[in-house]
């Protein structure tokens, strides 16, 4: 009788271990990843339209010791580029521009007009323009601490030559998205921040999300930090050159509102479904010469890793480190926003660890 009881207890214990909920396991993982009392991050996992995990860890502000929550606003870094790209696509749907337009049409001040004629909007969207980064930020850090989109884009219009013919290779370009933001302004007749708010944030229900405009926003957002030996140093606006330039990385949002962003994309709230699908489809180029095959849509990175098809974007600016990953076949969204960097730019290890947990729970 006693043996039977021990067996039953053992079976129940094993069942309890197997049936640990996914949110418990994710929370356990991130409690070990982030350190209490330090800068941290917010994490969200959504399956279809249901949020299955949403939690904040660590401090948004080291001075006030304000805790991070799923509603804390972080600078998104380069995830911001997807908002600029979607603004371009909205204007294309309205017949106001085309991704096939040469950028000389919007920037007649190009020193070498042939370059302005060769490069098209689609090349800026896919980091295939061949334009070199002509800003020389390291030589003039004081200027670039406050330089906005126009000042970051202007040096691109003064180049004498391209690194390669447009559409033949890939080279990541931040100034390209400063230029795209300015195109949105020129075509819409309003600041691009306002255009995104009216045409993306509001339709998606992203009421608290905002976009950098100089030193704005100064309140209501998390601060970013880097650790110098034992001391935490702030590293955002005022410390990080080019932080004031918004087109390449100026959107501020929370994990909860990025879930609304993804829902709006899935439901074709502010763009037609065909435009959204096209934006997340790898763009092909007839004269491609790159060592890798193309892997980017209209700003979205599209990859196949570990038998999983992924569409998303990562980001890094100052002390902020972010990742936004969708697995369309499984209706999964994973978002992590951090106010200090704890691993590499794309957060590959953490992303893969989370996907392993989701697979264990048969969510993939």
Protein backbone atom coordinates (compact mmCIF):
# COMPACT_ATOMS: atom_id res chain seq x y z
CA UNK A 1 0.00 0.00 0.00
CA UNK A 2 2.80 2.38 0.98
CA UNK A 3 4.65 1.60 -2.29
CA UNK A 4 1.51 2.40 -4.30
CA UNK A 5 1.21 5.77 -2.57
CA UNK A 6 4.86 6.62 -3.36
CA UNK A 7 4.30 5.69 -7.00
CA UNK A 8 1.19 7.88 -7.18
CA UNK A 9 3.02 10.80 -5.57
CA UNK A 10 5.89 10.37 -8.03
CA UNK A 11 3.51 10.31 -10.99
CA UNK A 12 1.69 13.42 -9.77
CA UNK A 13 5.00 15.26 -9.25
CA UNK A 14 6.12 14.36 -12.78
CA UNK A 15 2.78 15.51 -14.19
CA UNK A 16 3.08 18.80 -12.30
CA UNK A 17 6.53 19.33 -13.79
CA UNK A 18 5.31 18.59 -17.29
CA UNK A 19 2.30 20.87 -16.91
CA UNK A 20 4.17 23.95 -15.72
CA UNK A 21 2.53 26.83 -17.65
CA UNK A 22 4.49 28.64 -20.32
CA UNK A 23 4.19 32.00 -18.56
CA UNK A 24 5.78 30.51 -15.42
CA UNK A 25 8.71 29.15 -17.39
CA UNK A 26 9.21 32.41 -19.31
CA UNK A 27 9.08 34.42 -16.10
CA UNK A 28 11.62 32.09 -14.49
CA UNK A 29 13.92 32.54 -17.49
CA UNK A 30 13.75 36.35 -17.51
CA UNK A 31 14.12 36.64 -13.74
CA UNK A 32 17.51 35.03 -14.20
CA UNK A 33 18.31 37.12 -17.31
CA UNK A 34 17.60 40.53 -15.78
CA UNK A 35 19.07 41.73 -12.47
CA UNK A 36 16.82 43.32 -9.84
CA UNK A 37 17.69 46.93 -9.05
CA UNK A 38 19.40 47.48 -12.43
CA UNK A 39 18.25 48.62 -15.88
CA UNK A 40 16.23 45.80 -17.41
CA UNK A 41 13.53 45.29 -19.97
CA UNK A 42 9.99 44.35 -20.91
CA UNK A 43 8.97 41.16 -22.70
CA UNK A 44 5.80 40.09 -24.51
CA UNK A 45 4.69 36.95 -26.33
CA UNK A 46 1.45 36.92 -28.33
CA UNK A 47 -0.19 33.87 -29.91
CA UNK A 48 -2.78 34.83 -32.54
CA UNK A 49 -4.54 37.76 -30.83
CA UNK A 50 -3.96 36.53 -27.27
CA UNK A 51 -1.11 37.82 -25.11
CA UNK A 52 0.23 34.77 -23.30
CA UNK A 53 3.09 36.54 -21.53
CA UNK A 54 3.76 40.21 -20.72
CA UNK A 55 6.12 41.32 -17.98
CA UNK A 56 8.60 44.02 -16.99
CA UNK A 57 11.87 43.60 -15.12
CA UNK A 58 14.33 46.04 -13.57
CA UNK A 59 14.33 49.84 -13.48
CA UNK A 60 13.26 52.37 -16.11
CA UNK A 61 15.05 55.19 -14.28
CA UNK A 62 18.03 54.61 -11.98
CA UNK A 63 17.51 57.92 -10.15
CA UNK A 64 13.81 57.58 -9.34
CA UNK A 65 13.93 53.76 -9.24
CA UNK A 66 10.77 53.66 -11.36
CA UNK A 67 10.10 50.01 -12.25
CA UNK A 68 9.74 48.78 -15.81
CA UNK A 69 6.25 47.53 -16.71
CA UNK A 70 4.73 46.25 -19.98
CA UNK A 71 3.50 49.82 -20.51
CA UNK A 72 6.94 51.47 -20.17
CA UNK A 73 8.03 53.35 -23.30
CA UNK A 74 11.43 52.42 -24.74
CA UNK A 75 13.28 53.85 -27.69
CA UNK A 76 12.86 51.16 -30.36
CA UNK A 77 16.06 51.85 -32.24
CA UNK A 78 15.84 50.47 -35.76
CA UNK A 79 12.42 48.85 -35.28
CA UNK A 80 11.41 52.48 -35.98
CA UNK A 81 12.37 51.96 -39.62
CA UNK A 82 9.31 49.74 -40.12
CA UNK A 83 7.06 52.71 -39.23
CA UNK A 84 8.83 54.93 -41.75
CA UNK A 85 8.52 52.20 -44.39
CA UNK A 86 4.80 51.78 -43.65
CA UNK A 87 4.31 55.55 -43.97
CA UNK A 88 5.89 55.36 -47.44
CA UNK A 89 3.57 52.47 -48.37
CA UNK A 90 0.51 54.38 -47.14
CA UNK A 91 1.44 57.27 -49.43
CA UNK A 92 2.00 54.82 -52.29
CA UNK A 93 -1.46 53.32 -51.77
CA UNK A 94 -2.89 56.83 -51.98
CA UNK A 95 -1.11 57.45 -55.28
CA UNK A 96 1.13 60.15 -53.83
CA UNK A 97 4.42 58.42 -54.62
CA UNK A 98 5.89 55.14 -55.86
CA UNK A 99 8.73 53.02 -54.51
CA UNK A 100 10.03 53.17 -58.10
CA UNK A 101 10.50 56.96 -57.90
CA UNK A 102 14.06 58.22 -58.25
CA UNK A 103 15.00 60.24 -55.19
CA UNK A 104 16.17 63.20 -57.30
CA UNK A 105 12.45 63.95 -57.52
CA UNK A 106 12.45 64.72 -53.79
CA UNK A 107 16.05 65.91 -53.37
CA UNK A 108 17.03 68.03 -56.39
CA UNK A 109 20.00 69.32 -54.39
CA UNK A 110 22.07 66.19 -55.14
CA UNK A 111 25.58 67.33 -56.02
CA UNK A 112 25.88 64.47 -58.51
CA UNK A 113 22.46 64.41 -60.19
CA UNK A 114 23.14 61.04 -61.81
CA UNK A 115 23.31 59.45 -58.36
CA UNK A 116 19.97 61.01 -57.40
CA UNK A 117 18.49 59.61 -60.61
CA UNK A 118 19.93 56.11 -60.11
CA UNK A 119 18.81 55.64 -56.51
CA UNK A 120 15.13 54.90 -56.03
CA UNK A 121 12.91 54.81 -52.96
CA UNK A 122 12.97 51.00 -53.08
CA UNK A 123 16.76 51.06 -52.73
CA UNK A 124 16.51 53.17 -49.57
CA UNK A 125 13.88 50.83 -48.13
CA UNK A 126 16.06 47.75 -48.71
CA UNK A 127 19.51 49.13 -47.80
CA UNK A 128 20.68 48.58 -51.37
CA UNK A 129 21.22 52.19 -52.52
CA UNK A 130 25.02 52.08 -52.57
CA UNK A 131 25.13 55.48 -50.85
CA UNK A 132 28.08 55.67 -48.44
CA UNK A 133 27.49 57.02 -44.93
CA UNK A 134 28.95 60.46 -45.55
CA UNK A 135 28.27 61.95 -42.11
CA UNK A 136 31.68 61.50 -40.39
CA UNK A 137 29.95 61.36 -37.01
CA UNK A 138 33.13 60.53 -35.07
CA UNK A 139 34.74 63.76 -36.29
CA UNK A 140 31.84 65.98 -35.25
CA UNK A 141 30.08 64.28 -32.35
CA UNK A 142 28.96 67.59 -30.80
CA UNK A 143 27.01 68.54 -33.94
CA UNK A 144 25.40 65.12 -34.26
CA UNK A 145 24.20 65.12 -30.64
CA UNK A 146 21.40 67.47 -31.74
CA UNK A 147 21.29 67.02 -35.55
CA UNK A 148 17.83 66.02 -36.79
CA UNK A 149 16.82 64.06 -39.90
CA UNK A 150 17.63 66.77 -42.45
CA UNK A 151 21.14 67.32 -41.07
CA UNK A 152 21.81 63.57 -41.08
CA UNK A 153 20.54 63.17 -44.63
CA UNK A 154 22.18 66.23 -46.26
CA UNK A 155 25.71 64.71 -46.39
CA UNK A 156 24.28 61.87 -48.50
CA UNK A 157 23.27 64.37 -51.18
CA UNK A 158 26.87 65.59 -51.42
CA UNK A 159 28.57 62.30 -52.32
CA UNK A 160 30.62 62.09 -55.51
CA UNK A 161 30.24 58.35 -56.07
CA UNK A 162 28.41 55.22 -54.91
CA UNK A 163 29.88 52.20 -53.15
CA UNK A 164 28.11 49.97 -55.69
CA UNK A 165 25.38 50.18 -58.29
CA UNK A 166 21.93 50.47 -56.65
CA UNK A 167 20.20 47.12 -56.27
CA UNK A 168 23.33 44.98 -56.59
CA UNK A 169 24.41 44.60 -52.95
CA UNK A 170 23.29 45.14 -49.37
CA UNK A 171 24.80 47.64 -46.94
CA UNK A 172 22.82 48.75 -43.92
CA UNK A 173 22.12 52.48 -43.96
CA UNK A 174 20.73 54.68 -41.20
CA UNK A 175 20.78 57.90 -43.27
CA UNK A 176 18.59 56.18 -45.89
CA UNK A 177 15.74 56.23 -43.39
CA UNK A 178 16.38 59.84 -42.45
CA UNK A 179 15.87 60.51 -46.17
CA UNK A 180 12.70 58.40 -46.31
CA UNK A 181 11.27 60.29 -43.32
CA UNK A 182 11.92 63.55 -45.17
CA UNK A 183 10.15 62.17 -48.26
CA UNK A 184 7.10 61.46 -46.08
CA UNK A 185 7.21 65.08 -44.93
CA UNK A 186 7.60 66.50 -48.43
CA UNK A 187 4.73 64.43 -49.86
CA UNK A 188 2.32 64.66 -46.92
CA UNK A 189 2.97 68.31 -46.14
CA UNK A 190 3.36 67.65 -42.40
CA UNK A 191 6.09 66.51 -40.00
CA UNK A 192 6.58 62.79 -40.53
CA UNK A 193 6.08 62.23 -36.79
CA UNK A 194 2.58 63.69 -37.12
CA UNK A 195 1.85 61.63 -40.23
CA UNK A 196 2.79 58.39 -38.44
CA UNK A 197 0.75 59.33 -35.39
CA UNK A 198 -2.38 60.12 -37.43
CA UNK A 199 -2.07 57.25 -39.90
CA UNK A 200 -0.49 54.42 -37.87
CA UNK A 201 -0.49 55.03 -34.11
CA UNK A 202 -4.10 56.22 -33.81
CA UNK A 203 -5.68 53.59 -36.10
CA UNK A 204 -3.69 50.88 -34.28
CA UNK A 205 -4.69 52.17 -30.82
CA UNK A 206 -1.10 53.06 -29.89
CA UNK A 207 -2.15 56.01 -27.75
CA UNK A 208 1.06 56.45 -25.78
CA UNK A 209 3.65 55.76 -28.48
CA UNK A 210 5.55 58.79 -29.73
CA UNK A 211 8.52 59.82 -31.88
CA UNK A 212 11.71 61.75 -31.17
CA UNK A 213 11.72 65.41 -32.21
CA UNK A 214 14.98 66.93 -31.00
CA UNK A 215 15.19 66.44 -27.24
CA UNK A 216 11.53 65.33 -27.08
CA UNK A 217 10.37 63.17 -25.33
CA UNK A 218 12.10 64.10 -22.07
CA UNK A 219 9.49 62.67 -19.67
CA UNK A 220 7.39 59.56 -19.39
CA UNK A 221 9.94 57.26 -21.03
CA UNK A 222 12.66 54.91 -19.82
CA UNK A 223 16.29 55.99 -19.78
CA UNK A 224 19.06 53.92 -21.34
CA UNK A 225 22.26 52.95 -19.58
CA UNK A 226 25.60 51.30 -20.15
CA UNK A 227 27.78 49.92 -17.37
CA UNK A 228 31.25 51.38 -16.96
CA UNK A 229 33.02 49.10 -14.49
CA UNK A 230 30.67 49.29 -11.47
CA UNK A 231 28.87 52.48 -12.46
CA UNK A 232 25.77 52.92 -14.62
CA UNK A 233 26.06 55.78 -17.13
CA UNK A 234 23.07 57.19 -18.99
CA UNK A 235 23.36 56.74 -22.76
CA UNK A 236 20.48 58.24 -24.74
CA UNK A 237 19.64 61.79 -25.86
CA UNK A 238 22.52 64.15 -25.01
CA UNK A 239 25.09 61.37 -24.74
CA UNK A 240 24.64 59.36 -27.97
CA UNK A 241 25.41 61.05 -31.33
CA UNK A 242 22.58 60.86 -33.93
CA UNK A 243 19.97 60.10 -31.21
CA UNK A 244 18.07 63.25 -32.24
CA UNK A 245 17.72 61.95 -35.80
CA UNK A 246 14.36 60.19 -35.75
CA UNK A 247 13.84 58.49 -39.12
CA UNK A 248 16.45 55.84 -38.43
CA UNK A 249 15.47 55.12 -34.81
CA UNK A 250 13.11 57.64 -33.21
CA UNK A 251 9.96 55.72 -32.31
CA UNK A 252 9.18 55.15 -28.60
CA UNK A 253 6.73 52.43 -27.66
CA UNK A 254 5.95 49.68 -25.17
CA UNK A 255 5.66 45.92 -25.61
CA UNK A 256 1.89 46.21 -25.08
CA UNK A 257 1.53 48.81 -27.84
CA UNK A 258 3.79 46.91 -30.21
CA UNK A 259 1.34 44.02 -29.82
CA UNK A 260 -1.34 46.46 -31.03
CA UNK A 261 0.95 47.38 -33.95
CA UNK A 262 1.26 43.73 -34.97
CA UNK A 263 -2.50 43.18 -34.60
CA UNK A 264 -3.12 46.21 -36.84
CA UNK A 265 -0.76 44.75 -39.44
CA UNK A 266 -2.45 41.34 -39.29
CA UNK A 267 -5.88 42.96 -39.59
CA UNK A 268 -4.82 45.37 -42.38
CA UNK A 269 -5.94 48.35 -40.28
CA UNK A 270 -3.86 51.10 -41.88
CA UNK A 271 -2.57 49.37 -45.03
CA UNK A 272 -4.15 46.96 -47.47
CA UNK A 273 -3.40 43.30 -46.79
CA UNK A 274 -1.56 43.03 -50.12
CA UNK A 275 0.77 45.91 -49.20
CA UNK A 276 1.52 44.36 -45.83
CA UNK A 277 2.29 40.96 -47.34
CA UNK A 278 4.45 42.64 -49.97
CA UNK A 279 6.34 44.55 -47.28
CA UNK A 280 7.34 41.26 -45.63
CA UNK A 281 8.35 39.56 -48.86
CA UNK A 282 12.03 39.46 -49.82
CA UNK A 283 12.80 41.87 -52.65
CA UNK A 284 14.68 40.44 -55.60
CA UNK A 285 17.07 42.39 -57.82
CA UNK A 286 17.96 41.44 -61.40
CA UNK A 287 21.64 42.37 -61.12
CA UNK A 288 22.30 41.10 -57.59
CA UNK A 289 26.01 40.55 -56.84
CA UNK A 290 25.96 40.15 -53.05
CA UNK A 291 27.60 37.19 -51.34
CA UNK A 292 24.26 36.41 -49.64
CA UNK A 293 20.90 36.10 -51.29
CA UNK A 294 18.55 39.05 -50.59
CA UNK A 295 16.82 38.75 -47.20
CA UNK A 296 14.90 41.99 -46.76
CA UNK A 297 11.44 43.28 -47.65
CA UNK A 298 10.34 46.90 -47.28
CA UNK A 299 12.52 47.32 -44.15
CA UNK A 300 11.50 43.93 -42.62
CA UNK A 301 14.17 41.23 -42.35
CA UNK A 302 12.92 37.86 -43.60
CA UNK A 303 14.90 34.75 -42.63
CA UNK A 304 14.59 31.00 -42.15
CA UNK A 305 16.44 29.73 -39.08
CA UNK A 306 16.08 26.42 -37.26
CA UNK A 307 13.23 25.48 -39.62
CA UNK A 308 11.30 28.58 -38.54
CA UNK A 309 10.30 31.35 -40.95
CA UNK A 310 10.87 34.69 -39.21
CA UNK A 311 9.90 38.23 -40.14
CA UNK A 312 10.97 41.11 -37.95
CA UNK A 313 13.47 43.78 -37.03
CA UNK A 314 15.95 44.37 -34.23
CA UNK A 315 17.20 47.68 -32.90
CA UNK A 316 19.99 49.33 -30.94
CA UNK A 317 20.51 52.97 -30.06
CA UNK A 318 22.54 54.25 -27.14
CA UNK A 319 21.85 51.84 -24.29
CA UNK A 320 18.59 50.60 -25.79
CA UNK A 321 18.50 47.10 -27.30
CA UNK A 322 15.32 45.70 -28.86
CA UNK A 323 13.95 42.84 -30.94
CA UNK A 324 10.61 42.29 -32.68
CA UNK A 325 10.12 38.80 -34.13
CA UNK A 326 7.08 37.31 -35.84
CA UNK A 327 6.58 33.68 -36.84
CA UNK A 328 3.66 33.95 -39.26
CA UNK A 329 3.12 30.19 -39.64
CA UNK A 330 2.47 29.93 -35.90
CA UNK A 331 0.86 33.37 -35.36
CA UNK A 332 3.56 34.23 -32.82
CA UNK A 333 4.92 37.66 -31.90
CA UNK A 334 7.88 37.96 -29.54
CA UNK A 335 9.01 41.43 -28.44
CA UNK A 336 11.78 42.34 -26.02
CA UNK A 337 12.73 45.94 -25.21
CA UNK A 338 15.75 46.63 -22.98
CA UNK A 339 17.30 49.80 -21.57
CA UNK A 340 20.75 48.30 -21.30
CA UNK A 341 22.52 45.92 -23.69
CA UNK A 342 23.19 42.45 -22.22
CA UNK A 343 24.07 40.61 -25.45
CA UNK A 344 24.65 41.04 -29.18
CA UNK A 345 22.68 43.37 -31.44
CA UNK A 346 20.07 40.87 -32.66
CA UNK A 347 19.64 39.22 -29.23
CA UNK A 348 19.97 35.84 -30.90
CA UNK A 349 20.53 33.78 -27.76
CA UNK A 350 17.55 35.17 -25.87
CA UNK A 351 15.31 34.97 -28.93
CA UNK A 352 16.27 31.35 -29.57
CA UNK A 353 15.86 30.45 -25.88
CA UNK A 354 12.34 31.89 -25.88
CA UNK A 355 11.44 30.03 -29.08
CA UNK A 356 12.75 26.82 -27.50
CA UNK A 357 10.41 27.33 -24.54
CA UNK A 358 7.48 28.02 -26.88
CA UNK A 359 8.27 24.89 -28.87
CA UNK A 360 8.42 22.85 -25.67
CA UNK A 361 4.88 24.01 -24.90
CA UNK A 362 3.72 23.15 -28.43
CA UNK A 363 3.10 26.77 -29.34
CA UNK A 364 5.29 26.37 -32.44
